[in-house]
Amino acid sequence: MDFDTRKKHFESLGYAEKLLYVVANWNAATFAYNRLEVHRAAARTQMARISEAMANSRPSIPEPEPGASLEVAQAYVRNGLAHMVPVLYEVHFYFVAWGWLQKHA
């Protein structure tokens, strides 16, 4: 059986059948555990990047006092938004990467 035929057959299996195949096949189980460790390491790295972006996301101007003018409040909000962009990039990357893996794993 050629590779493409085996791949199509494996993709047609349900989750339980795939799990049984992996448990019964030492090479597949070893590959699955190694791949899982790679994914765990990638997730830890990305979570660290998100945490670092969050730590650097504080606005650089002080919070306006109660009763501050609209301009001062808007400047504070704009500054906060600008500091949150790196966080949004990292979180977006996290979900896009895992979404791609769901489709191609």
Protein backbone atom coordinates (compact mmCIF):
# COMPACT_ATOMS: atom_id res chain seq x y z
CA MET A 1 0.00 0.00 0.00
CA ASP A 2 1.51 3.35 -1.00
CA PHE A 3 1.81 6.33 1.34
CA ASP A 4 -1.15 8.30 -0.08
CA THR A 5 -3.47 5.31 0.26
CA ARG A 6 -2.37 4.75 3.87
CA LYS A 7 -2.77 8.43 4.64
CA LYS A 8 -6.31 8.52 3.22
CA HIS A 9 -7.20 5.39 5.17
CA PHE A 10 -5.85 6.84 8.41
CA GLU A 11 -7.68 10.13 7.84
CA SER A 12 -10.93 8.23 7.34
CA LEU A 13 -10.66 6.60 10.77
CA GLY A 14 -12.50 8.02 13.75
CA TYR A 15 -10.73 9.26 16.85
CA ALA A 16 -11.12 5.98 18.75
CA GLU A 17 -9.77 3.94 15.83
CA LYS A 18 -6.80 6.29 15.47
CA LEU A 19 -6.09 5.97 19.17
CA LEU A 20 -6.19 2.18 19.00
CA TYR A 21 -3.85 2.24 16.00
CA VAL A 22 -1.35 4.43 17.84
CA VAL A 23 -1.47 2.28 20.98
CA ALA A 24 -0.98 -0.92 18.97
CA ASN A 25 1.84 0.46 16.82
CA TRP A 26 5.06 1.25 18.73
CA ASN A 27 6.48 3.51 16.00
CA ALA A 28 3.26 5.51 15.80
CA ALA A 29 3.06 5.81 19.58
CA THR A 30 6.66 6.99 19.84
CA PHE A 31 6.09 9.49 17.05
CA ALA A 32 2.87 10.73 18.68
CA TYR A 33 4.52 11.25 22.07
CA ASN A 34 7.50 13.02 20.51
CA ARG A 35 5.18 15.24 18.51
CA LEU A 36 3.10 15.96 21.61
CA GLU A 37 6.24 17.09 23.43
CA VAL A 38 7.10 19.43 20.53
CA HIS A 39 3.60 20.94 20.71
CA ARG A 40 3.84 21.33 24.48
CA ALA A 41 7.19 23.11 24.15
CA ALA A 42 5.76 25.40 21.46
CA ALA A 43 2.75 26.20 23.66
CA ARG A 44 5.01 27.01 26.63
CA THR A 45 7.12 29.29 24.43
CA GLN A 46 4.08 31.09 23.06
CA MET A 47 2.53 31.48 26.53
CA ALA A 48 5.80 33.03 27.71
CA ARG A 49 5.69 35.44 24.78
CA ILE A 50 2.10 36.38 25.63
CA SER A 51 3.03 36.88 29.30
CA GLU A 52 5.96 39.10 28.33
CA ALA A 53 3.76 41.17 26.03
CA MET A 54 1.20 41.53 28.85
CA ALA A 55 3.91 42.67 31.27
CA ASN A 56 4.92 45.40 28.81
CA SER A 57 1.36 46.46 28.00
CA ARG A 58 0.79 48.97 30.79
CA PRO A 59 -0.01 52.48 29.57
CA SER A 60 2.92 54.85 29.79
CA ILE A 61 0.80 57.76 31.01
CA PRO A 62 -1.00 57.89 34.36
CA GLU A 63 -4.68 57.05 34.67
CA PRO A 64 -6.81 60.21 34.47
CA GLU A 65 -8.29 61.57 37.68
CA PRO A 66 -12.08 61.47 38.11
CA GLY A 67 -13.59 64.42 36.28
CA ALA A 68 -10.69 64.68 33.80
CA SER A 69 -11.44 66.16 30.41
CA LEU A 70 -12.54 63.97 27.53
CA GLU A 71 -9.27 64.67 25.71
CA VAL A 72 -7.20 63.41 28.64
CA ALA A 73 -9.35 60.27 28.94
CA GLN A 74 -9.14 59.61 25.20
CA ALA A 75 -5.36 60.05 25.25
CA TYR A 76 -5.14 57.48 28.07
CA VAL A 77 -7.31 55.00 26.15
CA ARG A 78 -5.33 55.48 22.91
CA ASN A 79 -2.08 54.97 24.78
CA GLY A 80 -3.43 51.79 26.37
CA LEU A 81 -4.61 50.47 23.02
CA ALA A 82 -1.21 51.11 21.47
CA HIS A 83 0.45 49.13 24.27
CA MET A 84 -2.00 46.21 23.84
CA VAL A 85 -1.21 45.67 20.14
CA PRO A 86 1.78 43.36 20.83
CA VAL A 87 -0.42 41.28 23.15
CA LEU A 88 -3.07 40.97 20.45
CA TYR A 89 -0.41 39.94 17.91
CA GLU A 90 0.90 37.18 20.19
CA VAL A 91 -2.56 35.87 21.07
CA HIS A 92 -3.60 35.97 17.42
CA PHE A 93 -0.47 34.04 16.44
CA TYR A 94 -1.23 31.45 19.12
CA PHE A 95 -4.74 30.76 17.82
CA VAL A 96 -3.73 30.83 14.16
CA ALA A 97 -0.89 28.38 14.79
CA TRP A 98 -3.09 25.96 16.72
CA GLY A 99 -5.87 26.30 14.15
CA TRP A 100 -3.41 25.40 11.41
CA LEU A 101 -2.24 22.39 13.40
CA GLN A 102 -5.82 21.20 13.87
CA LYS A 103 -6.29 21.19 10.11
CA HIS A 104 -2.90 19.70 9.18
CA ALA A 105 -2.02 17.39 12.06
